[in-house]
Amino acid sequence: MEAVARITELTAASSTSFQDAIDKAVARASKTLRNISGVEVVSQKAKVESGRITEYRATVNVTFLLDD
């Protein structure tokens, strides 16, 4: 039996860190996607206000296996 996977791109934000933004994206994906097998961090960006980072943003590709 061969597996077929799909990739969905998500962007999440955090006021704490890039890792927290990535964790939030995966946690949210887990609510509606089954069989998540991996995640690839595509980009990391930050919002800056008055010389300080105020928001961390991460875009990730979440890979999940499709059901038979």
C-alpha atoms as a PDB file:
ATOM      1  CA  MET A   1       0.000   0.000   0.000  1.00  0.00           C
ATOM      2  CA  GLU A   2       1.430   3.375  -1.009  1.00  0.00           C
ATOM      3  CA  ALA A   3       0.902   6.548   0.979  1.00  0.00           C
ATOM      4  CA  VAL A   4      -0.180   9.872  -0.485  1.00  0.00           C
ATOM      5  CA  ALA A   5       0.604  13.080   1.378  1.00  0.00           C
ATOM      6  CA  ARG A   6      -0.643  16.628   1.116  1.00  0.00           C
ATOM      7  CA  ILE A   7       1.070  19.852   2.150  1.00  0.00           C
ATOM      8  CA  THR A   8      -0.765  22.855   3.557  1.00  0.00           C
ATOM      9  CA  GLU A   9       0.887  26.226   4.156  1.00  0.00           C
ATOM     10  CA  LEU A  10       0.031  28.077   7.368  1.00  0.00           C
ATOM     11  CA  THR A  11       1.166  31.333   8.943  1.00  0.00           C
ATOM     12  CA  ALA A  12       0.976  31.945  12.689  1.00  0.00           C
ATOM     13  CA  ALA A  13       2.037  34.779  14.969  1.00  0.00           C
ATOM     14  CA  SER A  14       3.286  35.073  18.529  1.00  0.00           C
ATOM     15  CA  SER A  15       4.328  37.896  20.808  1.00  0.00           C
ATOM     16  CA  THR A  16       6.843  35.547  22.463  1.00  0.00           C
ATOM     17  CA  SER A  17       9.081  33.816  19.889  1.00  0.00           C
ATOM     18  CA  PHE A  18       9.399  32.177  16.482  1.00  0.00           C
ATOM     19  CA  GLN A  19       9.226  28.762  18.169  1.00  0.00           C
ATOM     20  CA  ASP A  20       5.933  29.707  19.813  1.00  0.00           C
ATOM     21  CA  ALA A  21       4.523  30.813  16.450  1.00  0.00           C
ATOM     22  CA  ILE A  22       5.563  27.475  14.902  1.00  0.00           C
ATOM     23  CA  ASP A  23       4.044  25.551  17.819  1.00  0.00           C
ATOM     24  CA  LYS A  24       0.784  27.502  17.422  1.00  0.00           C
ATOM     25  CA  ALA A  25       0.606  26.694  13.706  1.00  0.00           C
ATOM     26  CA  VAL A  26       1.095  22.963  14.336  1.00  0.00           C
ATOM     27  CA  ALA A  27      -1.360  22.928  17.251  1.00  0.00           C
ATOM     28  CA  ARG A  28      -4.019  24.657  15.156  1.00  0.00           C
ATOM     29  CA  ALA A  29      -3.446  22.322  12.207  1.00  0.00           C
ATOM     30  CA  SER A  30      -3.818  19.338  14.544  1.00  0.00           C
ATOM     31  CA  LYS A  31      -7.385  20.400  15.333  1.00  0.00           C
ATOM     32  CA  THR A  32      -8.581  19.727  11.775  1.00  0.00           C
ATOM     33  CA  LEU A  33      -5.889  17.644  10.046  1.00  0.00           C
ATOM     34  CA  ARG A  34      -5.214  13.989  10.816  1.00  0.00           C
ATOM     35  CA  ASN A  35      -2.001  12.072  10.248  1.00  0.00           C
ATOM     36  CA  ILE A  36       0.397  15.031  10.427  1.00  0.00           C
ATOM     37  CA  SER A  37       3.831  13.622   9.665  1.00  0.00           C
ATOM     38  CA  GLY A  38       6.058  16.692   9.455  1.00  0.00           C
ATOM     39  CA  VAL A  39       6.488  20.427   9.307  1.00  0.00           C
ATOM     40  CA  GLU A  40       8.877  22.612   7.312  1.00  0.00           C
ATOM     41  CA  VAL A  41       9.570  26.186   8.375  1.00  0.00           C
ATOM     42  CA  VAL A  42       9.341  28.228   5.165  1.00  0.00           C
ATOM     43  CA  SER A  43       9.977  31.703   6.564  1.00  0.00           C
ATOM     44  CA  GLN A  44      10.309  33.707   9.739  1.00  0.00           C
ATOM     45  CA  LYS A  45       9.451  37.400   9.870  1.00  0.00           C
ATOM     46  CA  ALA A  46       9.016  39.899  12.659  1.00  0.00           C
ATOM     47  CA  LYS A  47       6.978  43.047  13.156  1.00  0.00           C
ATOM     48  CA  VAL A  48       9.007  45.910  14.619  1.00  0.00           C
ATOM     49  CA  GLU A  49       7.650  48.951  16.450  1.00  0.00           C
ATOM     50  CA  SER A  50       9.816  51.639  18.050  1.00  0.00           C
ATOM     51  CA  GLY A  51      12.950  49.574  17.476  1.00  0.00           C
ATOM     52  CA  ARG A  52      11.598  46.454  19.232  1.00  0.00           C
ATOM     53  CA  ILE A  53      10.145  43.223  17.935  1.00  0.00           C
ATOM     54  CA  THR A  54       6.464  43.152  18.831  1.00  0.00           C
ATOM     55  CA  GLU A  55       5.362  40.085  16.888  1.00  0.00           C
ATOM     56  CA  TYR A  56       7.080  36.967  15.556  1.00  0.00           C
ATOM     57  CA  ARG A  57       5.578  35.391  12.434  1.00  0.00           C
ATOM     58  CA  ALA A  58       6.306  31.939  11.041  1.00  0.00           C
ATOM     59  CA  THR A  59       5.094  30.395   7.803  1.00  0.00           C
ATOM     60  CA  VAL A  60       5.197  26.601   7.772  1.00  0.00           C
ATOM     61  CA  ASN A  61       4.309  23.764   5.429  1.00  0.00           C
ATOM     62  CA  VAL A  62       2.461  21.037   7.307  1.00  0.00           C
ATOM     63  CA  THR A  63       2.612  17.584   5.698  1.00  0.00           C
ATOM     64  CA  PHE A  64      -0.106  15.051   6.415  1.00  0.00           C
ATOM     65  CA  LEU A  65      -0.944  11.626   5.018  1.00  0.00           C
ATOM     66  CA  LEU A  66      -4.294  11.211   3.304  1.00  0.00           C
ATOM     67  CA  ASP A  67      -6.628   8.489   4.513  1.00  0.00           C
ATOM     68  CA  ASP A  68      -7.277   5.518   2.213  1.00  0.00           C
END
